[in-house]
Amino acid sequence: MRKILVIGIGAGDPDHLTLQAVKAIARTDVFLLLDKNEERQDLVRLRLEMIEEHGRPGHRVVQVPDAERDRRAQPGYPAVVHSWRTRRAELVEGLIAEHVGGGQTGALLVWGDPGLYDSVIAVLDEVLERGEVSFDYEVVPGISSVSALAARHRTVLTRVGRPVRVTTGRRLAAEGFPAGSDDTVVMLDGKAAFASIDPAGIDIHYGAYLGTPDEILVSGPLAETAPRIAELRREASDRKGWIMDSYLLRRTED
């Protein structure tokens, strides 16, 4: 039986690798890397450096372009995501069938934690449901950008007796600050949705490229810091060609 490892590798700092992740990388025969566009080659290089440092002798690396995804806001967004996952499942199915032999272990390296806004687990389940290739898989948790964000700002996500909500920039822009939530973590924000909500009585703890040399950290009242964050974000995105950020929005104490 083939074995597939889904390994969380942290938010960007090589030291975010847990001992469990290091051991998983060390027992992998074939690493399956789904490359992003040319603008994100620094992320590909970082994964290759992790593999080179912790991989065992004789390991192989297979790199292919990832399935393209339509990221435009539209009413049929869930259907767009489903279509993309299906195309990704077809790609991963072919990679496993061609490159991971019987009794071998393949691995997919996932930024942050595989259980938080990532598609790999759903993709592997779809591949198994198709029934064309058989394997067992294991998930190795990683340090998410949410955990890294709280640590870098030296704060906690959950205040006494209060829940924390995790949502996306798309939903924040559409719905505003979630009702009934005093603490909201926002991920996958492609358009600076924090600038579109009423900032009164809200603090922000913002982080971009967490754990990397390009890291950006800003915190303070949203009304005062939103313009600065938006400008830093634009400059960084123009320079690098992409942005990877998250932030905590927190209602201030009365």
C-alpha atoms as a PDB file:
ATOM      1  CA  MET A   1       0.000   0.000   0.000  1.00  0.00           C
ATOM      2  CA  ARG A   2       1.247   3.470  -0.854  1.00  0.00           C
ATOM      3  CA  LYS A   3       1.463   5.997   1.966  1.00  0.00           C
ATOM      4  CA  ILE A   4       0.881   9.724   1.467  1.00  0.00           C
ATOM      5  CA  LEU A   5       1.917  12.256   4.111  1.00  0.00           C
ATOM      6  CA  VAL A   6       0.279  15.677   4.313  1.00  0.00           C
ATOM      7  CA  ILE A   7       2.892  17.677   6.199  1.00  0.00           C
ATOM      8  CA  GLY A   8       2.225  21.098   7.704  1.00  0.00           C
ATOM      9  CA  ILE A   9       5.435  23.110   7.381  1.00  0.00           C
ATOM     10  CA  GLY A  10       4.534  26.338   9.167  1.00  0.00           C
ATOM     11  CA  ALA A  11       3.941  29.912   8.126  1.00  0.00           C
ATOM     12  CA  GLY A  12       7.319  30.585   6.496  1.00  0.00           C
ATOM     13  CA  ASP A  13      10.060  30.256   9.088  1.00  0.00           C
ATOM     14  CA  PRO A  14      12.073  27.007   8.575  1.00  0.00           C
ATOM     15  CA  ASP A  15      12.180  26.739  12.374  1.00  0.00           C
ATOM     16  CA  HIS A  16       8.396  26.343  12.367  1.00  0.00           C
ATOM     17  CA  LEU A  17       8.913  22.702  11.366  1.00  0.00           C
ATOM     18  CA  THR A  18       7.887  20.499  14.275  1.00  0.00           C
ATOM     19  CA  LEU A  19       9.890  17.413  15.216  1.00  0.00           C
ATOM     20  CA  GLN A  20       6.996  15.333  13.859  1.00  0.00           C
ATOM     21  CA  ALA A  21       7.233  17.169  10.514  1.00  0.00           C
ATOM     22  CA  VAL A  22      11.016  16.703  10.385  1.00  0.00           C
ATOM     23  CA  LYS A  23      10.615  12.963  11.005  1.00  0.00           C
ATOM     24  CA  ALA A  24       7.888  12.766   8.340  1.00  0.00           C
ATOM     25  CA  ILE A  25      10.103  14.505   5.778  1.00  0.00           C
ATOM     26  CA  ALA A  26      12.937  12.095   6.677  1.00  0.00           C
ATOM     27  CA  ARG A  27      10.809   9.020   5.847  1.00  0.00           C
ATOM     28  CA  THR A  28       9.473  10.298   2.528  1.00  0.00           C
ATOM     29  CA  ASP A  29      10.547   8.689  -0.758  1.00  0.00           C
ATOM     30  CA  VAL A  30       8.879  11.151  -3.152  1.00  0.00           C
ATOM     31  CA  PHE A  31       7.905  14.780  -2.571  1.00  0.00           C
ATOM     32  CA  LEU A  32       5.069  16.028  -4.773  1.00  0.00           C
ATOM     33  CA  LEU A  33       5.336  19.808  -5.163  1.00  0.00           C
ATOM     34  CA  LEU A  34       2.502  21.723  -6.785  1.00  0.00           C
ATOM     35  CA  ASP A  35       4.178  24.924  -7.926  1.00  0.00           C
ATOM     36  CA  LYS A  36       2.500  28.310  -7.794  1.00  0.00           C
ATOM     37  CA  ASN A  37       3.166  30.961 -10.421  1.00  0.00           C
ATOM     38  CA  GLU A  38       6.595  32.422 -11.119  1.00  0.00           C
ATOM     39  CA  GLU A  39       6.027  35.233  -8.631  1.00  0.00           C
ATOM     40  CA  ARG A  40       6.059  32.765  -5.740  1.00  0.00           C
ATOM     41  CA  GLN A  41       9.271  30.923  -6.547  1.00  0.00           C
ATOM     42  CA  ASP A  42      10.749  32.031  -3.215  1.00  0.00           C
ATOM     43  CA  LEU A  43       8.166  29.790  -1.531  1.00  0.00           C
ATOM     44  CA  VAL A  44       9.183  26.890  -3.773  1.00  0.00           C
ATOM     45  CA  ARG A  45      12.833  27.473  -2.894  1.00  0.00           C
ATOM     46  CA  LEU A  46      12.026  27.448   0.804  1.00  0.00           C
ATOM     47  CA  ARG A  47      10.278  24.066   0.516  1.00  0.00           C
ATOM     48  CA  LEU A  48      13.225  22.660  -1.445  1.00  0.00           C
ATOM     49  CA  GLU A  49      15.616  23.880   1.247  1.00  0.00           C
ATOM     50  CA  MET A  50      13.551  22.118   3.929  1.00  0.00           C
ATOM     51  CA  ILE A  51      13.587  18.912   1.896  1.00  0.00           C
ATOM     52  CA  GLU A  52      17.321  19.158   1.267  1.00  0.00           C
ATOM     53  CA  GLU A  53      18.067  19.684   4.953  1.00  0.00           C
ATOM     54  CA  HIS A  54      15.782  16.997   6.387  1.00  0.00           C
ATOM     55  CA  GLY A  55      15.150  14.534   3.538  1.00  0.00           C
ATOM     56  CA  ARG A  56      16.836  11.157   3.526  1.00  0.00           C
ATOM     57  CA  PRO A  57      19.383  10.113   0.890  1.00  0.00           C
ATOM     58  CA  GLY A  58      17.793   8.970  -2.355  1.00  0.00           C
ATOM     59  CA  HIS A  59      14.579  10.965  -2.038  1.00  0.00           C
ATOM     60  CA  ARG A  60      12.989  12.334  -5.201  1.00  0.00           C
ATOM     61  CA  VAL A  61      11.230  15.624  -5.871  1.00  0.00           C
ATOM     62  CA  VAL A  62       8.506  15.924  -8.518  1.00  0.00           C
ATOM     63  CA  GLN A  63       7.448  19.485  -9.396  1.00  0.00           C
ATOM     64  CA  VAL A  64       4.453  20.322 -11.571  1.00  0.00           C
ATOM     65  CA  PRO A  65       2.362  23.491 -12.088  1.00  0.00           C
ATOM     66  CA  ASP A  66      -0.629  23.630  -9.780  1.00  0.00           C
ATOM     67  CA  ALA A  67      -4.153  23.714 -11.183  1.00  0.00           C
ATOM     68  CA  GLU A  68      -5.206  27.262 -12.067  1.00  0.00           C
ATOM     69  CA  ARG A  69      -7.890  28.857  -9.925  1.00  0.00           C
ATOM     70  CA  ASP A  70     -10.303  31.691 -10.730  1.00  0.00           C
ATOM     71  CA  ARG A  71     -10.042  33.999  -7.695  1.00  0.00           C
ATOM     72  CA  ARG A  72     -12.510  36.637  -8.848  1.00  0.00           C
ATOM     73  CA  ALA A  73     -15.378  37.426  -6.499  1.00  0.00           C
ATOM     74  CA  GLN A  74     -18.589  36.037  -7.935  1.00  0.00           C
ATOM     75  CA  PRO A  75     -21.926  34.576  -6.736  1.00  0.00           C
ATOM     76  CA  GLY A  76     -20.901  31.064  -7.774  1.00  0.00           C
ATOM     77  CA  TYR A  77     -17.685  31.067  -5.742  1.00  0.00           C
ATOM     78  CA  PRO A  78     -18.322  27.701  -3.978  1.00  0.00           C
ATOM     79  CA  ALA A  79     -18.839  26.060  -7.379  1.00  0.00           C
ATOM     80  CA  VAL A  80     -15.601  27.636  -8.626  1.00  0.00           C
ATOM     81  CA  VAL A  81     -13.720  26.194  -5.645  1.00  0.00           C
ATOM     82  CA  HIS A  82     -15.296  22.766  -6.188  1.00  0.00           C
ATOM     83  CA  SER A  83     -14.258  22.787  -9.850  1.00  0.00           C
ATOM     84  CA  TRP A  84     -10.706  23.777  -8.913  1.00  0.00           C
ATOM     85  CA  ARG A  85     -10.483  21.013  -6.309  1.00  0.00           C
ATOM     86  CA  THR A  86     -11.658  18.474  -8.862  1.00  0.00           C
ATOM     87  CA  ARG A  87      -8.961  19.543 -11.320  1.00  0.00           C
ATOM     88  CA  ARG A  88      -6.430  19.438  -8.499  1.00  0.00           C
ATOM     89  CA  ALA A  89      -7.603  15.938  -7.557  1.00  0.00           C
ATOM     90  CA  GLU A  90      -7.046  14.768 -11.128  1.00  0.00           C
ATOM     91  CA  LEU A  91      -3.531  16.234 -11.026  1.00  0.00           C
ATOM     92  CA  VAL A  92      -2.650  14.650  -7.663  1.00  0.00           C
ATOM     93  CA  GLU A  93      -4.138  11.306  -8.727  1.00  0.00           C
ATOM     94  CA  GLY A  94      -1.840  11.219 -11.751  1.00  0.00           C
ATOM     95  CA  LEU A  95       1.206  12.158  -9.683  1.00  0.00           C
ATOM     96  CA  ILE A  96       0.582   9.433  -7.119  1.00  0.00           C
ATOM     97  CA  ALA A  97      -0.085   6.786  -9.764  1.00  0.00           C
ATOM     98  CA  GLU A  98       3.025   7.677 -11.761  1.00  0.00           C
ATOM     99  CA  HIS A  99       5.581   8.546  -9.098  1.00  0.00           C
ATOM    100  CA  VAL A 100       4.687   6.774  -5.836  1.00  0.00           C
ATOM    101  CA  GLY A 101       5.176   3.035  -6.142  1.00  0.00           C
ATOM    102  CA  GLY A 102       3.699   0.275  -4.007  1.00  0.00           C
ATOM    103  CA  GLY A 103       5.168   0.369  -0.504  1.00  0.00           C
ATOM    104  CA  GLN A 104       6.597   3.847  -1.025  1.00  0.00           C
ATOM    105  CA  THR A 105       5.812   7.068   0.846  1.00  0.00           C
ATOM    106  CA  GLY A 106       4.934  10.288  -0.922  1.00  0.00           C
ATOM    107  CA  ALA A 107       4.466  13.695   0.698  1.00  0.00           C
ATOM    108  CA  LEU A 108       2.653  16.954   0.033  1.00  0.00           C
ATOM    109  CA  LEU A 109       4.038  19.938   1.948  1.00  0.00           C
ATOM    110  CA  VAL A 110       1.374  22.379   3.129  1.00  0.00           C
ATOM    111  CA  TRP A 111       1.970  25.919   4.351  1.00  0.00           C
ATOM    112  CA  GLY A 112       0.716  26.523   7.874  1.00  0.00           C
ATOM    113  CA  ASP A 113      -1.592  23.801   9.106  1.00  0.00           C
ATOM    114  CA  PRO A 114      -3.395  21.391   6.719  1.00  0.00           C
ATOM    115  CA  GLY A 115      -6.602  21.656   8.748  1.00  0.00           C
ATOM    116  CA  LEU A 116      -7.070  25.421   8.369  1.00  0.00           C
ATOM    117  CA  TYR A 117      -8.205  26.807   4.992  1.00  0.00           C
ATOM    118  CA  ASP A 118      -6.294  24.302   2.895  1.00  0.00           C
ATOM    119  CA  SER A 119      -7.633  21.958   0.223  1.00  0.00           C
ATOM    120  CA  VAL A 120      -5.176  19.048   0.285  1.00  0.00           C
ATOM    121  CA  ILE A 121      -7.153  16.803   2.646  1.00  0.00           C
ATOM    122  CA  ALA A 122     -10.355  17.299   0.618  1.00  0.00           C
ATOM    123  CA  VAL A 123      -8.389  16.657  -2.590  1.00  0.00           C
ATOM    124  CA  LEU A 124      -6.983  13.353  -1.308  1.00  0.00           C
ATOM    125  CA  ASP A 125     -10.447  12.259  -0.144  1.00  0.00           C
ATOM    126  CA  GLU A 126     -11.766  12.988  -3.645  1.00  0.00           C
ATOM    127  CA  VAL A 127      -8.935  10.979  -5.209  1.00  0.00           C
ATOM    128  CA  LEU A 128      -9.790   7.995  -2.994  1.00  0.00           C
ATOM    129  CA  GLU A 129     -13.487   8.318  -3.841  1.00  0.00           C
ATOM    130  CA  ARG A 130     -12.646   8.129  -7.554  1.00  0.00           C
ATOM    131  CA  GLY A 131     -11.181   4.670  -6.913  1.00  0.00           C
ATOM    132  CA  GLU A 132      -8.494   4.808  -9.608  1.00  0.00           C
ATOM    133  CA  VAL A 133      -5.523   4.728  -7.231  1.00  0.00           C
ATOM    134  CA  SER A 134      -5.291   3.352  -3.700  1.00  0.00           C
ATOM    135  CA  PHE A 135      -3.254   4.664  -0.775  1.00  0.00           C
ATOM    136  CA  ASP A 136      -3.408   5.442   2.914  1.00  0.00           C
ATOM    137  CA  TYR A 137      -2.669   8.945   4.123  1.00  0.00           C
ATOM    138  CA  GLU A 138      -1.605  10.660   7.325  1.00  0.00           C
ATOM    139  CA  VAL A 139      -1.826  14.322   8.328  1.00  0.00           C
ATOM    140  CA  VAL A 140       0.989  16.024  10.238  1.00  0.00           C
ATOM    141  CA  PRO A 141      -0.186  19.298  11.831  1.00  0.00           C
ATOM    142  CA  GLY A 142       1.823  22.472  11.436  1.00  0.00           C
ATOM    143  CA  ILE A 143       2.174  25.935  12.953  1.00  0.00           C
ATOM    144  CA  SER A 144      -0.496  28.053  11.297  1.00  0.00           C
ATOM    145  CA  SER A 145      -0.196  31.720  10.400  1.00  0.00           C
ATOM    146  CA  VAL A 146      -2.853  32.291  13.073  1.00  0.00           C
ATOM    147  CA  SER A 147      -0.603  30.834  15.776  1.00  0.00           C
ATOM    148  CA  ALA A 148       2.416  32.693  14.403  1.00  0.00           C
ATOM    149  CA  LEU A 149       0.440  35.948  14.313  1.00  0.00           C
ATOM    150  CA  ALA A 150      -0.558  35.703  17.983  1.00  0.00           C
ATOM    151  CA  ALA A 151       2.989  34.818  19.009  1.00  0.00           C
ATOM    152  CA  ARG A 152       4.614  37.655  17.065  1.00  0.00           C
ATOM    153  CA  HIS A 153       2.189  40.171  18.585  1.00  0.00           C
ATOM    154  CA  ARG A 154       2.549  38.602  22.048  1.00  0.00           C
ATOM    155  CA  THR A 155      -1.191  38.269  22.455  1.00  0.00           C
ATOM    156  CA  VAL A 156      -3.753  35.521  22.963  1.00  0.00           C
ATOM    157  CA  LEU A 157      -6.623  34.829  20.604  1.00  0.00           C
ATOM    158  CA  THR A 158      -9.165  33.905  23.257  1.00  0.00           C
ATOM    159  CA  ARG A 159     -10.006  36.387  25.970  1.00  0.00           C
ATOM    160  CA  VAL A 160     -11.580  35.114  29.198  1.00  0.00           C
ATOM    161  CA  GLY A 161     -15.053  33.750  28.583  1.00  0.00           C
ATOM    162  CA  ARG A 162     -15.126  34.797  24.907  1.00  0.00           C
ATOM    163  CA  PRO A 163     -14.927  32.834  21.664  1.00  0.00           C
ATOM    164  CA  VAL A 164     -12.735  33.685  18.693  1.00  0.00           C
ATOM    165  CA  ARG A 165     -13.987  33.485  15.117  1.00  0.00           C
ATOM    166  CA  VAL A 166     -11.845  32.622  12.094  1.00  0.00           C
ATOM    167  CA  THR A 167     -13.124  33.900   8.773  1.00  0.00           C
ATOM    168  CA  THR A 168     -11.978  35.064   5.347  1.00  0.00           C
ATOM    169  CA  GLY A 169     -11.456  38.483   3.813  1.00  0.00           C
ATOM    170  CA  ARG A 170     -14.208  37.698   1.319  1.00  0.00           C
ATOM    171  CA  ARG A 171     -16.770  37.191   4.084  1.00  0.00           C
ATOM    172  CA  LEU A 172     -15.543  40.168   6.116  1.00  0.00           C
ATOM    173  CA  ALA A 173     -15.998  42.442   3.099  1.00  0.00           C
ATOM    174  CA  ALA A 174     -19.489  41.060   2.439  1.00  0.00           C
ATOM    175  CA  GLU A 175     -20.772  40.850   6.015  1.00  0.00           C
ATOM    176  CA  GLY A 176     -18.715  43.304   8.055  1.00  0.00           C
ATOM    177  CA  PHE A 177     -17.424  42.555  11.537  1.00  0.00           C
ATOM    178  CA  PRO A 178     -19.232  39.365  12.601  1.00  0.00           C
ATOM    179  CA  ALA A 179     -22.124  39.964  14.969  1.00  0.00           C
ATOM    180  CA  GLY A 180     -21.671  38.415  18.388  1.00  0.00           C
ATOM    181  CA  SER A 181     -17.893  38.159  18.054  1.00  0.00           C
ATOM    182  CA  ASP A 182     -15.440  40.458  19.816  1.00  0.00           C
ATOM    183  CA  ASP A 183     -12.349  38.698  18.413  1.00  0.00           C
ATOM    184  CA  THR A 184     -12.092  37.725  14.746  1.00  0.00           C
ATOM    185  CA  VAL A 185      -9.095  36.336  12.849  1.00  0.00           C
ATOM    186  CA  VAL A 186      -9.149  37.075   9.117  1.00  0.00           C
ATOM    187  CA  MET A 187      -7.284  34.982   6.543  1.00  0.00           C
ATOM    188  CA  LEU A 188      -7.188  34.795   2.741  1.00  0.00           C
ATOM    189  CA  ASP A 189      -7.815  38.506   2.361  1.00  0.00           C
ATOM    190  CA  GLY A 190      -6.973  39.474  -1.197  1.00  0.00           C
ATOM    191  CA  LYS A 191      -8.347  43.023  -1.060  1.00  0.00           C
ATOM    192  CA  ALA A 192      -7.625  44.568   2.380  1.00  0.00           C
ATOM    193  CA  ALA A 193     -11.152  43.986   3.675  1.00  0.00           C
ATOM    194  CA  PHE A 194     -10.207  45.518   7.047  1.00  0.00           C
ATOM    195  CA  ALA A 195     -10.395  48.935   5.362  1.00  0.00           C
ATOM    196  CA  SER A 196     -14.063  48.416   4.439  1.00  0.00           C
ATOM    197  CA  ILE A 197     -15.538  47.995   7.917  1.00  0.00           C
ATOM    198  CA  ASP A 198     -16.480  50.556  10.560  1.00  0.00           C
ATOM    199  CA  PRO A 199     -13.239  50.944  12.562  1.00  0.00           C
ATOM    200  CA  ALA A 200     -14.809  52.472  15.677  1.00  0.00           C
ATOM    201  CA  GLY A 201     -13.785  50.596  18.811  1.00  0.00           C
ATOM    202  CA  ILE A 202     -11.666  47.992  16.975  1.00  0.00           C
ATOM    203  CA  ASP A 203      -7.961  47.216  17.290  1.00  0.00           C
ATOM    204  CA  ILE A 204      -5.994  45.288  14.679  1.00  0.00           C
ATOM    205  CA  HIS A 205      -2.977  42.991  15.011  1.00  0.00           C
ATOM    206  CA  TYR A 206      -1.695  42.570  11.448  1.00  0.00           C
ATOM    207  CA  GLY A 207       0.994  40.284  10.037  1.00  0.00           C
ATOM    208  CA  ALA A 208       2.259  39.576   6.509  1.00  0.00           C
ATOM    209  CA  TYR A 209       4.920  37.097   5.327  1.00  0.00           C
ATOM    210  CA  LEU A 210       5.104  35.836   8.912  1.00  0.00           C
ATOM    211  CA  GLY A 211       8.357  34.122   9.787  1.00  0.00           C
ATOM    212  CA  THR A 212      10.198  35.352   6.691  1.00  0.00           C
ATOM    213  CA  PRO A 213      12.739  38.163   6.131  1.00  0.00           C
ATOM    214  CA  ASP A 214       9.913  40.212   4.546  1.00  0.00           C
ATOM    215  CA  GLU A 215       7.718  40.039   7.659  1.00  0.00           C
ATOM    216  CA  ILE A 216       5.440  43.020   8.327  1.00  0.00           C
ATOM    217  CA  LEU A 217       3.898  43.577  11.764  1.00  0.00           C
ATOM    218  CA  VAL A 218       1.528  46.413  12.670  1.00  0.00           C
ATOM    219  CA  SER A 219      -0.889  46.798  15.566  1.00  0.00           C
ATOM    220  CA  GLY A 220      -3.078  49.532  17.006  1.00  0.00           C
ATOM    221  CA  PRO A 221      -6.507  51.118  16.629  1.00  0.00           C
ATOM    222  CA  LEU A 222      -7.936  50.201  13.226  1.00  0.00           C
ATOM    223  CA  ALA A 223      -8.993  53.779  12.502  1.00  0.00           C
ATOM    224  CA  GLU A 224      -5.381  54.960  12.844  1.00  0.00           C
ATOM    225  CA  THR A 225      -3.480  52.026  11.368  1.00  0.00           C
ATOM    226  CA  ALA A 226      -5.669  50.924   8.431  1.00  0.00           C
ATOM    227  CA  PRO A 227      -4.223  53.478   5.962  1.00  0.00           C
ATOM    228  CA  ARG A 228      -0.659  52.586   6.933  1.00  0.00           C
ATOM    229  CA  ILE A 229      -1.298  48.839   6.672  1.00  0.00           C
ATOM    230  CA  ALA A 230      -2.980  49.276   3.295  1.00  0.00           C
ATOM    231  CA  GLU A 231       0.027  51.222   1.984  1.00  0.00           C
ATOM    232  CA  LEU A 232       2.581  48.730   3.364  1.00  0.00           C
ATOM    233  CA  ARG A 233       0.518  45.950   1.864  1.00  0.00           C
ATOM    234  CA  ARG A 234       0.410  47.581  -1.575  1.00  0.00           C
ATOM    235  CA  GLU A 235       4.148  48.263  -1.561  1.00  0.00           C
ATOM    236  CA  ALA A 236       5.000  44.705  -0.518  1.00  0.00           C
ATOM    237  CA  SER A 237       2.614  43.156  -3.030  1.00  0.00           C
ATOM    238  CA  ASP A 238       4.005  45.302  -5.852  1.00  0.00           C
ATOM    239  CA  ARG A 239       7.560  44.361  -4.878  1.00  0.00           C
ATOM    240  CA  LYS A 240       7.037  40.615  -4.448  1.00  0.00           C
ATOM    241  CA  GLY A 241       4.066  40.059  -6.745  1.00  0.00           C
ATOM    242  CA  TRP A 242       1.973  38.406  -4.016  1.00  0.00           C
ATOM    243  CA  ILE A 243       0.807  38.886  -0.450  1.00  0.00           C
ATOM    244  CA  MET A 244       0.254  36.333   2.308  1.00  0.00           C
ATOM    245  CA  ASP A 245      -1.197  37.926   5.428  1.00  0.00           C
ATOM    246  CA  SER A 246      -3.604  37.481   8.311  1.00  0.00           C
ATOM    247  CA  TYR A 247      -4.834  39.661  11.130  1.00  0.00           C
ATOM    248  CA  LEU A 248      -6.806  39.738  14.369  1.00  0.00           C
ATOM    249  CA  LEU A 249      -9.611  42.280  14.732  1.00  0.00           C
ATOM    250  CA  ARG A 250     -10.502  42.897  18.355  1.00  0.00           C
ATOM    251  CA  ARG A 251     -13.216  45.045  19.902  1.00  0.00           C
ATOM    252  CA  THR A 252     -11.690  47.195  22.619  1.00  0.00           C
ATOM    253  CA  GLU A 253     -12.765  46.862  26.239  1.00  0.00           C
ATOM    254  CA  ASP A 254     -15.505  49.219  27.362  1.00  0.00           C
END
